[in-house]
């Protein structure tokens, strides 16, 4: 979308997500564990009709120590994002390859959290294609470009979050969570190397900083009343619960 402007939010200590770059460096770590929650939000038809207008989603919170969350302060005005986003991480890992899942969600003034969109990356596929942009980190996915993580030196890994059109209303907060794959999609299951033993550490602040870059339509506002939570198919809701790093 030509009108969309790449807008940066920096990952900071205590789970903060801010438009201001951190003044000091810090780290946050988690252990990827797909077994820390359900594989998917609709485990089976025994729990209800998966094809109902509003199925009985089960969207688990981020388990203690099994993921990270970063959340903005309440927005002063509406923020409309349209397109693909990029989570740019400075990451160290106990394994040479880690599977990552990042999810953007909307934290509402009523204490509820609504899923917006997710993205996934096996870190060995981190090499970028020549047409990658600030908000669209397209990867080559070529065997010859495979990369490895280090336990001592941070690597730059840019994770693509699928395109979406969504308006965060004034008073709401933007949240990004980072976990092992699984638990945020109704029927998708993942063949992942995450087994509850891989520890990933994200460097916050420093150069370059870890950040979320989203495409924003300046001046756009929500054009309809705020939906109930839950009410939107494909966007489960849950009570907002801080991740172990505070966000």
C-alpha atoms as a PDB file:
ATOM      1  CA  UNK A   1       0.000   0.000   0.000  1.00  0.00           C
ATOM      2  CA  UNK A   2       1.699   3.178  -1.188  1.00  0.00           C
ATOM      3  CA  UNK A   3       0.325   5.303   1.646  1.00  0.00           C
ATOM      4  CA  UNK A   4       1.705   2.966   4.327  1.00  0.00           C
ATOM      5  CA  UNK A   5       4.655   4.405   6.256  1.00  0.00           C
ATOM      6  CA  UNK A   6       7.181   2.106   7.958  1.00  0.00           C
ATOM      7  CA  UNK A   7       6.756   2.860  11.663  1.00  0.00           C
ATOM      8  CA  UNK A   8       9.177   1.537  14.285  1.00  0.00           C
ATOM      9  CA  UNK A   9       8.546   0.355  17.840  1.00  0.00           C
ATOM     10  CA  UNK A  10      11.593  -0.690  19.865  1.00  0.00           C
ATOM     11  CA  UNK A  11      11.736  -3.704  22.178  1.00  0.00           C
ATOM     12  CA  UNK A  12      12.922  -2.542  25.593  1.00  0.00           C
ATOM     13  CA  UNK A  13      13.490  -3.754  29.150  1.00  0.00           C
ATOM     14  CA  UNK A  14      10.516  -4.740  31.345  1.00  0.00           C
ATOM     15  CA  UNK A  15       8.506  -5.732  28.280  1.00  0.00           C
ATOM     16  CA  UNK A  16       8.102  -2.221  26.949  1.00  0.00           C
ATOM     17  CA  UNK A  17       7.418  -1.502  23.266  1.00  0.00           C
ATOM     18  CA  UNK A  18       8.214   2.113  22.515  1.00  0.00           C
ATOM     19  CA  UNK A  19       8.659   4.556  19.644  1.00  0.00           C
ATOM     20  CA  UNK A  20      11.780   5.792  21.466  1.00  0.00           C
ATOM     21  CA  UNK A  21      15.003   3.819  21.042  1.00  0.00           C
ATOM     22  CA  UNK A  22      16.293   2.358  24.349  1.00  0.00           C
ATOM     23  CA  UNK A  23      18.956   4.446  26.058  1.00  0.00           C
ATOM     24  CA  UNK A  24      20.676   1.384  27.535  1.00  0.00           C
ATOM     25  CA  UNK A  25      21.232  -2.194  26.464  1.00  0.00           C
ATOM     26  CA  UNK A  26      19.657  -5.194  28.183  1.00  0.00           C
ATOM     27  CA  UNK A  27      18.585  -8.772  27.420  1.00  0.00           C
ATOM     28  CA  UNK A  28      15.487 -10.935  27.719  1.00  0.00           C
ATOM     29  CA  UNK A  29      15.460 -14.728  27.415  1.00  0.00           C
ATOM     30  CA  UNK A  30      12.926 -17.525  27.024  1.00  0.00           C
ATOM     31  CA  UNK A  31      12.896 -21.264  26.411  1.00  0.00           C
ATOM     32  CA  UNK A  32      10.855 -22.354  23.395  1.00  0.00           C
ATOM     33  CA  UNK A  33       8.405 -25.089  24.373  1.00  0.00           C
ATOM     34  CA  UNK A  34       5.431 -26.007  22.143  1.00  0.00           C
ATOM     35  CA  UNK A  35       4.077 -28.231  24.926  1.00  0.00           C
ATOM     36  CA  UNK A  36       3.567 -25.211  27.175  1.00  0.00           C
ATOM     37  CA  UNK A  37       0.149 -24.670  25.530  1.00  0.00           C
ATOM     38  CA  UNK A  38      -2.321 -26.247  23.111  1.00  0.00           C
ATOM     39  CA  UNK A  39      -1.015 -26.938  19.583  1.00  0.00           C
ATOM     40  CA  UNK A  40      -3.905 -24.963  18.097  1.00  0.00           C
ATOM     41  CA  UNK A  41      -6.858 -22.866  19.219  1.00  0.00           C
ATOM     42  CA  UNK A  42      -9.414 -25.447  18.051  1.00  0.00           C
ATOM     43  CA  UNK A  43      -8.130 -28.839  19.272  1.00  0.00           C
ATOM     44  CA  UNK A  44     -11.130 -30.793  17.968  1.00  0.00           C
ATOM     45  CA  UNK A  45     -14.868 -30.848  17.346  1.00  0.00           C
ATOM     46  CA  UNK A  46     -15.547 -32.405  20.748  1.00  0.00           C
ATOM     47  CA  UNK A  47     -15.134 -28.922  22.203  1.00  0.00           C
ATOM     48  CA  UNK A  48     -17.774 -27.488  19.851  1.00  0.00           C
ATOM     49  CA  UNK A  49     -18.507 -26.778  16.200  1.00  0.00           C
ATOM     50  CA  UNK A  50     -15.310 -25.555  14.514  1.00  0.00           C
ATOM     51  CA  UNK A  51     -17.433 -24.142  11.675  1.00  0.00           C
ATOM     52  CA  UNK A  52     -19.701 -22.079  13.899  1.00  0.00           C
ATOM     53  CA  UNK A  53     -19.716 -18.305  13.262  1.00  0.00           C
ATOM     54  CA  UNK A  54     -17.830 -17.932  16.551  1.00  0.00           C
ATOM     55  CA  UNK A  55     -16.122 -21.222  17.467  1.00  0.00           C
ATOM     56  CA  UNK A  56     -15.008 -21.991  21.046  1.00  0.00           C
ATOM     57  CA  UNK A  57     -11.402 -20.866  20.651  1.00  0.00           C
ATOM     58  CA  UNK A  58      -8.891 -21.759  23.373  1.00  0.00           C
ATOM     59  CA  UNK A  59      -6.069 -19.231  23.103  1.00  0.00           C
ATOM     60  CA  UNK A  60      -3.587 -19.821  25.894  1.00  0.00           C
ATOM     61  CA  UNK A  61      -1.532 -17.034  27.499  1.00  0.00           C
ATOM     62  CA  UNK A  62       2.258 -16.952  27.306  1.00  0.00           C
ATOM     63  CA  UNK A  63       3.513 -19.555  29.784  1.00  0.00           C
ATOM     64  CA  UNK A  64       6.036 -18.509  32.423  1.00  0.00           C
ATOM     65  CA  UNK A  65       9.524 -18.450  30.938  1.00  0.00           C
ATOM     66  CA  UNK A  66       8.310 -19.888  27.614  1.00  0.00           C
ATOM     67  CA  UNK A  67       8.009 -16.647  25.663  1.00  0.00           C
ATOM     68  CA  UNK A  68       8.442 -12.891  25.710  1.00  0.00           C
ATOM     69  CA  UNK A  69       5.936 -10.064  25.451  1.00  0.00           C
ATOM     70  CA  UNK A  70       6.447  -6.389  24.603  1.00  0.00           C
ATOM     71  CA  UNK A  71       3.562  -3.921  24.932  1.00  0.00           C
ATOM     72  CA  UNK A  72       3.153  -0.222  24.132  1.00  0.00           C
ATOM     73  CA  UNK A  73       1.604   2.375  26.374  1.00  0.00           C
ATOM     74  CA  UNK A  74      -2.033   3.183  25.597  1.00  0.00           C
ATOM     75  CA  UNK A  75      -2.270   4.825  22.169  1.00  0.00           C
ATOM     76  CA  UNK A  76      -3.242   8.491  22.101  1.00  0.00           C
ATOM     77  CA  UNK A  77      -4.976   8.149  18.719  1.00  0.00           C
ATOM     78  CA  UNK A  78      -6.128   5.459  16.289  1.00  0.00           C
ATOM     79  CA  UNK A  79      -3.372   3.582  14.459  1.00  0.00           C
ATOM     80  CA  UNK A  80      -4.206   1.725  11.247  1.00  0.00           C
ATOM     81  CA  UNK A  81      -1.732  -0.843   9.923  1.00  0.00           C
ATOM     82  CA  UNK A  82      -2.082  -2.325   6.428  1.00  0.00           C
ATOM     83  CA  UNK A  83       0.390  -4.825   5.018  1.00  0.00           C
ATOM     84  CA  UNK A  84       3.298  -6.996   6.115  1.00  0.00           C
ATOM     85  CA  UNK A  85       5.355  -6.288   9.245  1.00  0.00           C
ATOM     86  CA  UNK A  86       8.897  -7.136  10.303  1.00  0.00           C
ATOM     87  CA  UNK A  87      10.168  -8.186  13.725  1.00  0.00           C
ATOM     88  CA  UNK A  88      13.896  -7.446  13.646  1.00  0.00           C
ATOM     89  CA  UNK A  89      15.698  -9.356  16.387  1.00  0.00           C
ATOM     90  CA  UNK A  90      19.234  -9.405  17.739  1.00  0.00           C
ATOM     91  CA  UNK A  91      19.246 -13.004  18.927  1.00  0.00           C
ATOM     92  CA  UNK A  92      21.590 -15.464  20.628  1.00  0.00           C
ATOM     93  CA  UNK A  93      20.631 -19.092  21.114  1.00  0.00           C
ATOM     94  CA  UNK A  94      21.768 -22.294  22.788  1.00  0.00           C
ATOM     95  CA  UNK A  95      21.035 -24.021  19.441  1.00  0.00           C
ATOM     96  CA  UNK A  96      22.338 -23.341  15.937  1.00  0.00           C
ATOM     97  CA  UNK A  97      18.772 -23.262  14.607  1.00  0.00           C
ATOM     98  CA  UNK A  98      15.610 -22.143  16.387  1.00  0.00           C
ATOM     99  CA  UNK A  99      11.991 -21.900  15.241  1.00  0.00           C
ATOM    100  CA  UNK A 100      10.295 -18.589  16.042  1.00  0.00           C
ATOM    101  CA  UNK A 101       6.695 -17.426  16.144  1.00  0.00           C
ATOM    102  CA  UNK A 102       5.795 -13.767  16.589  1.00  0.00           C
ATOM    103  CA  UNK A 103       2.224 -12.584  17.155  1.00  0.00           C
ATOM    104  CA  UNK A 104       0.792  -9.084  17.121  1.00  0.00           C
ATOM    105  CA  UNK A 105      -2.238  -8.570  19.348  1.00  0.00           C
ATOM    106  CA  UNK A 106      -4.501  -5.776  20.571  1.00  0.00           C
ATOM    107  CA  UNK A 107      -4.630  -5.169  24.333  1.00  0.00           C
ATOM    108  CA  UNK A 108      -7.921  -3.465  25.061  1.00  0.00           C
ATOM    109  CA  UNK A 109      -8.882  -1.059  27.885  1.00  0.00           C
ATOM    110  CA  UNK A 110     -11.284  -3.710  29.247  1.00  0.00           C
ATOM    111  CA  UNK A 111      -8.370  -6.080  29.979  1.00  0.00           C
ATOM    112  CA  UNK A 112      -9.026  -8.343  27.012  1.00  0.00           C
ATOM    113  CA  UNK A 113      -6.491  -9.201  24.309  1.00  0.00           C
ATOM    114  CA  UNK A 114      -7.435  -9.942  20.692  1.00  0.00           C
ATOM    115  CA  UNK A 115      -5.196 -11.761  18.204  1.00  0.00           C
ATOM    116  CA  UNK A 116      -4.294  -9.698  15.125  1.00  0.00           C
ATOM    117  CA  UNK A 117      -1.675 -11.596  13.090  1.00  0.00           C
ATOM    118  CA  UNK A 118       1.323 -13.949  13.350  1.00  0.00           C
ATOM    119  CA  UNK A 119       4.504 -14.840  11.497  1.00  0.00           C
ATOM    120  CA  UNK A 120       7.005 -17.691  11.624  1.00  0.00           C
ATOM    121  CA  UNK A 121      10.648 -18.284  10.824  1.00  0.00           C
ATOM    122  CA  UNK A 122      13.182 -21.106  11.065  1.00  0.00           C
ATOM    123  CA  UNK A 123      16.303 -19.070  11.761  1.00  0.00           C
ATOM    124  CA  UNK A 124      18.437 -20.976   9.232  1.00  0.00           C
ATOM    125  CA  UNK A 125      16.285 -19.192   6.596  1.00  0.00           C
ATOM    126  CA  UNK A 126      17.277 -15.698   7.773  1.00  0.00           C
ATOM    127  CA  UNK A 127      19.104 -14.636   4.600  1.00  0.00           C
ATOM    128  CA  UNK A 128      17.188 -11.816   2.916  1.00  0.00           C
ATOM    129  CA  UNK A 129      16.234 -11.541  -0.744  1.00  0.00           C
ATOM    130  CA  UNK A 130      17.269  -8.466  -2.709  1.00  0.00           C
ATOM    131  CA  UNK A 131      13.695  -7.139  -2.762  1.00  0.00           C
ATOM    132  CA  UNK A 132      13.207  -7.232   1.018  1.00  0.00           C
ATOM    133  CA  UNK A 133      11.949  -3.965   2.516  1.00  0.00           C
ATOM    134  CA  UNK A 134      11.678  -2.373   5.960  1.00  0.00           C
ATOM    135  CA  UNK A 135       8.299  -3.975   6.564  1.00  0.00           C
ATOM    136  CA  UNK A 136       8.631  -7.061   4.381  1.00  0.00           C
ATOM    137  CA  UNK A 137      11.711  -9.198   5.153  1.00  0.00           C
ATOM    138  CA  UNK A 138      11.465 -11.587   2.214  1.00  0.00           C
ATOM    139  CA  UNK A 139      13.879 -14.524   2.598  1.00  0.00           C
ATOM    140  CA  UNK A 140      15.717 -16.402  -0.140  1.00  0.00           C
ATOM    141  CA  UNK A 141      14.931 -19.837   1.380  1.00  0.00           C
ATOM    142  CA  UNK A 142      17.933 -21.245  -0.515  1.00  0.00           C
ATOM    143  CA  UNK A 143      20.050 -24.024   0.966  1.00  0.00           C
ATOM    144  CA  UNK A 144      23.270 -22.210   0.048  1.00  0.00           C
ATOM    145  CA  UNK A 145      22.143 -19.211   2.160  1.00  0.00           C
ATOM    146  CA  UNK A 146      21.477 -21.210   5.342  1.00  0.00           C
ATOM    147  CA  UNK A 147      22.683 -19.485   8.528  1.00  0.00           C
ATOM    148  CA  UNK A 148      23.438 -20.558  12.097  1.00  0.00           C
ATOM    149  CA  UNK A 149      22.923 -18.849  15.445  1.00  0.00           C
ATOM    150  CA  UNK A 150      25.601 -18.340  18.073  1.00  0.00           C
ATOM    151  CA  UNK A 151      25.343 -18.632  21.847  1.00  0.00           C
ATOM    152  CA  UNK A 152      27.761 -15.759  22.407  1.00  0.00           C
ATOM    153  CA  UNK A 153      27.302 -13.294  19.539  1.00  0.00           C
ATOM    154  CA  UNK A 154      23.938 -11.907  18.479  1.00  0.00           C
ATOM    155  CA  UNK A 155      22.703 -12.472  14.937  1.00  0.00           C
ATOM    156  CA  UNK A 156      20.272 -10.205  13.107  1.00  0.00           C
ATOM    157  CA  UNK A 157      17.125 -12.170  12.319  1.00  0.00           C
ATOM    158  CA  UNK A 158      14.159 -10.508  10.611  1.00  0.00           C
ATOM    159  CA  UNK A 159      10.863 -12.360  10.964  1.00  0.00           C
ATOM    160  CA  UNK A 160       8.043 -11.644   8.500  1.00  0.00           C
ATOM    161  CA  UNK A 161       4.585 -11.184  10.015  1.00  0.00           C
ATOM    162  CA  UNK A 162       1.840 -11.944   7.522  1.00  0.00           C
ATOM    163  CA  UNK A 163      -0.053  -9.003   5.967  1.00  0.00           C
ATOM    164  CA  UNK A 164      -3.121  -7.702   7.751  1.00  0.00           C
ATOM    165  CA  UNK A 165      -5.397  -4.686   7.804  1.00  0.00           C
ATOM    166  CA  UNK A 166      -6.251  -3.666  11.364  1.00  0.00           C
ATOM    167  CA  UNK A 167      -6.924  -0.510  13.362  1.00  0.00           C
ATOM    168  CA  UNK A 168      -5.762  -0.180  16.959  1.00  0.00           C
ATOM    169  CA  UNK A 169      -8.083   2.334  18.588  1.00  0.00           C
ATOM    170  CA  UNK A 170      -7.083   5.162  20.896  1.00  0.00           C
ATOM    171  CA  UNK A 171      -6.655   3.817  24.437  1.00  0.00           C
ATOM    172  CA  UNK A 172      -5.613   0.377  23.167  1.00  0.00           C
ATOM    173  CA  UNK A 173      -2.089  -1.081  23.286  1.00  0.00           C
ATOM    174  CA  UNK A 174      -0.032  -2.914  20.654  1.00  0.00           C
ATOM    175  CA  UNK A 175       1.590  -6.137  21.837  1.00  0.00           C
ATOM    176  CA  UNK A 176       4.166  -8.401  20.175  1.00  0.00           C
ATOM    177  CA  UNK A 177       4.891 -11.844  21.642  1.00  0.00           C
ATOM    178  CA  UNK A 178       7.708 -14.238  20.760  1.00  0.00           C
ATOM    179  CA  UNK A 179       7.393 -17.985  21.395  1.00  0.00           C
ATOM    180  CA  UNK A 180       7.922 -21.398  19.864  1.00  0.00           C
ATOM    181  CA  UNK A 181       5.513 -22.138  16.968  1.00  0.00           C
ATOM    182  CA  UNK A 182       1.993 -23.276  17.777  1.00  0.00           C
ATOM    183  CA  UNK A 183      -1.055 -22.289  19.777  1.00  0.00           C
ATOM    184  CA  UNK A 184      -2.172 -19.225  17.800  1.00  0.00           C
ATOM    185  CA  UNK A 185      -3.907 -20.820  14.797  1.00  0.00           C
ATOM    186  CA  UNK A 186      -7.150 -22.792  14.667  1.00  0.00           C
ATOM    187  CA  UNK A 187      -5.942 -25.851  12.715  1.00  0.00           C
ATOM    188  CA  UNK A 188      -2.251 -25.387  11.907  1.00  0.00           C
ATOM    189  CA  UNK A 189       0.231 -27.768  13.510  1.00  0.00           C
ATOM    190  CA  UNK A 190       3.999 -27.301  13.250  1.00  0.00           C
ATOM    191  CA  UNK A 191       6.875 -29.708  12.630  1.00  0.00           C
ATOM    192  CA  UNK A 192       9.370 -27.860  14.818  1.00  0.00           C
ATOM    193  CA  UNK A 193      12.788 -28.477  16.322  1.00  0.00           C
ATOM    194  CA  UNK A 194      11.692 -26.743  19.508  1.00  0.00           C
ATOM    195  CA  UNK A 195      11.525 -29.311  22.317  1.00  0.00           C
ATOM    196  CA  UNK A 196      11.633 -27.263  25.494  1.00  0.00           C
ATOM    197  CA  UNK A 197      15.438 -27.177  25.717  1.00  0.00           C
ATOM    198  CA  UNK A 198      16.436 -24.317  23.366  1.00  0.00           C
ATOM    199  CA  UNK A 199      17.062 -21.016  25.134  1.00  0.00           C
ATOM    200  CA  UNK A 200      16.878 -17.848  23.040  1.00  0.00           C
ATOM    201  CA  UNK A 201      18.180 -14.499  24.263  1.00  0.00           C
ATOM    202  CA  UNK A 202      17.111 -11.219  22.655  1.00  0.00           C
ATOM    203  CA  UNK A 203      19.388  -8.197  22.947  1.00  0.00           C
ATOM    204  CA  UNK A 204      17.428  -4.999  23.618  1.00  0.00           C
ATOM    205  CA  UNK A 205      18.926  -1.623  22.812  1.00  0.00           C
ATOM    206  CA  UNK A 206      22.396  -1.373  21.347  1.00  0.00           C
ATOM    207  CA  UNK A 207      23.254  -1.119  17.678  1.00  0.00           C
ATOM    208  CA  UNK A 208      21.334  -2.352  15.855  1.00  0.00           C
ATOM    209  CA  UNK A 209      18.337  -2.513  18.216  1.00  0.00           C
ATOM    210  CA  UNK A 210      15.623  -5.161  18.259  1.00  0.00           C
ATOM    211  CA  UNK A 211      12.435  -3.622  16.883  1.00  0.00           C
ATOM    212  CA  UNK A 212       8.995  -4.127  15.361  1.00  0.00           C
ATOM    213  CA  UNK A 213       8.371  -2.265  12.083  1.00  0.00           C
ATOM    214  CA  UNK A 214       4.751  -2.006  10.926  1.00  0.00           C
ATOM    215  CA  UNK A 215       3.105  -0.264   7.925  1.00  0.00           C
ATOM    216  CA  UNK A 216       0.929   2.600   9.175  1.00  0.00           C
ATOM    217  CA  UNK A 217      -1.574   4.737   7.279  1.00  0.00           C
ATOM    218  CA  UNK A 218      -1.070   8.184   8.783  1.00  0.00           C
ATOM    219  CA  UNK A 219      -4.244   9.873   9.945  1.00  0.00           C
ATOM    220  CA  UNK A 220      -6.529   6.893   9.300  1.00  0.00           C
ATOM    221  CA  UNK A 221      -9.163   6.101  11.917  1.00  0.00           C
ATOM    222  CA  UNK A 222     -11.465   3.200  12.709  1.00  0.00           C
ATOM    223  CA  UNK A 223     -14.570   3.366  10.542  1.00  0.00           C
ATOM    224  CA  UNK A 224     -16.860   1.164  12.622  1.00  0.00           C
ATOM    225  CA  UNK A 225     -17.796   0.605  16.260  1.00  0.00           C
ATOM    226  CA  UNK A 226     -15.371  -1.418  18.363  1.00  0.00           C
ATOM    227  CA  UNK A 227     -16.212  -5.139  18.121  1.00  0.00           C
ATOM    228  CA  UNK A 228     -16.971  -7.175  21.195  1.00  0.00           C
ATOM    229  CA  UNK A 229     -14.224  -9.505  22.406  1.00  0.00           C
ATOM    230  CA  UNK A 230     -14.709 -12.208  21.330  1.00  0.00           C
ATOM    231  CA  UNK A 231     -16.825 -11.633  18.232  1.00  0.00           C
ATOM    232  CA  UNK A 232     -14.531 -11.808  15.179  1.00  0.00           C
ATOM    233  CA  UNK A 233     -13.974 -15.177  13.536  1.00  0.00           C
ATOM    234  CA  UNK A 234     -10.265 -16.023  13.350  1.00  0.00           C
ATOM    235  CA  UNK A 235      -9.418 -13.511  16.102  1.00  0.00           C
ATOM    236  CA  UNK A 236      -9.704 -15.285  19.455  1.00  0.00           C
ATOM    237  CA  UNK A 237      -9.682 -13.314  22.693  1.00  0.00           C
ATOM    238  CA  UNK A 238      -8.244 -13.936  26.148  1.00  0.00           C
ATOM    239  CA  UNK A 239      -7.687 -12.058  29.375  1.00  0.00           C
ATOM    240  CA  UNK A 240      -4.460 -10.073  29.079  1.00  0.00           C
ATOM    241  CA  UNK A 241      -1.668 -11.577  31.169  1.00  0.00           C
ATOM    242  CA  UNK A 242       1.878 -10.210  31.327  1.00  0.00           C
ATOM    243  CA  UNK A 243       4.673 -12.422  29.990  1.00  0.00           C
ATOM    244  CA  UNK A 244       7.476 -13.256  32.427  1.00  0.00           C
ATOM    245  CA  UNK A 245       9.583 -10.335  31.128  1.00  0.00           C
ATOM    246  CA  UNK A 246       6.765  -7.903  31.977  1.00  0.00           C
ATOM    247  CA  UNK A 247       5.216  -7.175  28.578  1.00  0.00           C
END
